[in-house]
Amino acid sequence: MTVMTPRESWTDDRLDDFRDEVNRRFDEVYRRFDKVERRFESLETEMRTEFGAVRREMKEGFERVDEKFEKLYRLMLQLGGVVVAGLIGLIATQL
């Protein structure tokens, strides 16, 4: 068995072939990363759109709840006024 030195086993042609193969493989990796990056950009756009829609729905829902609380607050004030007026009327009739 003969042991070759590195210079004997790696000719310029073999090194060129190796370099070309490494470059080809890295080109493929770059293409795959580009594909993944485009997909993530697409998903980001979809998520922003969806979150925007959800935010609008939540805002509209909270506005409706706020309106209902405002109506309830006014009703409570009106009922309190009626009760106070009734009590004043009752006290006035008893004097």
Protein backbone atom coordinates (compact mmCIF):
# COMPACT_ATOMS: atom_id res chain seq x y z
CA MET A 1 0.00 0.00 0.00
CA THR A 2 1.30 3.38 -0.99
CA VAL A 3 0.67 6.48 1.10
CA MET A 4 0.22 9.59 -0.98
CA THR A 5 1.08 12.98 0.25
CA PRO A 6 -1.68 15.60 0.13
CA ARG A 7 -0.08 17.36 -2.83
CA GLU A 8 -0.07 14.15 -4.80
CA SER A 9 -3.71 13.29 -4.03
CA TRP A 10 -5.19 16.77 -4.63
CA THR A 11 -4.46 17.93 -8.12
CA ASP A 12 -5.49 21.32 -9.38
CA ASP A 13 -8.29 19.69 -11.35
CA ARG A 14 -9.60 17.92 -8.27
CA LEU A 15 -9.45 21.12 -6.26
CA ASP A 16 -11.33 22.95 -9.04
CA ASP A 17 -13.95 20.20 -9.09
CA PHE A 18 -14.25 20.35 -5.32
CA ARG A 19 -14.60 24.15 -5.39
CA ASP A 20 -17.25 23.92 -8.11
CA GLU A 21 -19.19 21.31 -6.14
CA VAL A 22 -19.02 23.37 -2.95
CA ASN A 23 -20.19 26.46 -4.85
CA ARG A 24 -23.04 24.49 -6.45
CA ARG A 25 -24.18 23.22 -3.07
CA PHE A 26 -24.00 26.66 -1.48
CA ASP A 27 -25.97 28.08 -4.42
CA GLU A 28 -28.66 25.51 -3.67
CA VAL A 29 -28.61 26.42 0.03
CA TYR A 30 -28.95 30.11 -0.89
CA ARG A 31 -31.90 29.32 -3.17
CA ARG A 32 -33.59 27.39 -0.39
CA PHE A 33 -32.99 30.19 2.11
CA ASP A 34 -34.38 32.70 -0.39
CA LYS A 35 -37.48 30.55 -0.76
CA VAL A 36 -37.92 30.32 3.02
CA GLU A 37 -37.33 34.06 3.39
CA ARG A 38 -40.00 34.83 0.77
CA ARG A 39 -42.43 32.52 2.56
CA PHE A 40 -41.75 34.25 5.89
CA GLU A 41 -42.29 37.64 4.27
CA SER A 42 -45.58 36.38 2.88
CA LEU A 43 -46.62 35.04 6.27
CA GLU A 44 -45.64 38.33 7.92
CA THR A 45 -47.86 40.22 5.49
CA GLU A 46 -50.73 37.80 6.14
CA MET A 47 -50.28 38.11 9.90
CA ARG A 48 -50.20 41.91 9.79
CA THR A 49 -53.39 41.92 7.73
CA GLU A 50 -55.09 39.45 10.08
CA PHE A 51 -53.96 41.29 13.22
CA GLY A 52 -55.21 44.55 11.71
CA ALA A 53 -58.63 42.98 11.13
CA VAL A 54 -58.70 41.57 14.66
CA ARG A 55 -57.75 44.96 16.12
CA ARG A 56 -60.55 46.66 14.20
CA GLU A 57 -63.06 44.06 15.38
CA MET A 58 -61.89 44.45 18.99
CA LYS A 59 -62.05 48.24 18.77
CA GLU A 60 -65.59 48.10 17.39
CA GLY A 61 -66.60 45.62 20.09
CA PHE A 62 -65.16 47.77 22.87
CA GLU A 63 -66.89 50.83 21.43
CA ARG A 64 -70.23 48.98 21.57
CA VAL A 65 -69.56 47.91 25.16
CA ASP A 66 -68.63 51.51 26.06
CA GLU A 67 -71.90 52.76 24.54
CA LYS A 68 -73.88 50.23 26.56
CA PHE A 69 -72.12 51.27 29.78
CA GLU A 70 -72.81 54.92 29.01
CA LYS A 71 -76.52 54.14 28.50
CA LEU A 72 -76.59 52.15 31.73
CA TYR A 73 -74.86 55.02 33.56
CA ARG A 74 -77.44 57.52 32.26
CA LEU A 75 -80.28 55.18 33.21
CA MET A 76 -78.87 54.81 36.73
CA LEU A 77 -78.61 58.61 37.07
CA GLN A 78 -82.19 59.03 35.85
CA LEU A 79 -83.48 56.35 38.21
CA GLY A 80 -81.51 57.92 41.07
CA GLY A 81 -83.07 61.29 40.23
CA VAL A 82 -86.56 59.74 40.22
CA VAL A 83 -85.91 58.07 43.58
CA VAL A 84 -84.57 61.31 45.09
CA ALA A 85 -87.52 63.27 43.70
CA GLY A 86 -89.89 60.65 45.08
CA LEU A 87 -88.29 60.81 48.49
CA ILE A 88 -88.43 64.62 48.48
CA GLY A 89 -92.07 64.45 47.49
CA LEU A 90 -92.80 61.92 50.22
CA ILE A 91 -91.04 64.04 52.84
CA ALA A 92 -92.84 67.16 51.62
CA THR A 93 -96.24 65.51 51.97
CA GLN A 94 -95.45 64.38 55.48
CA LEU A 95 -94.64 67.87 56.77
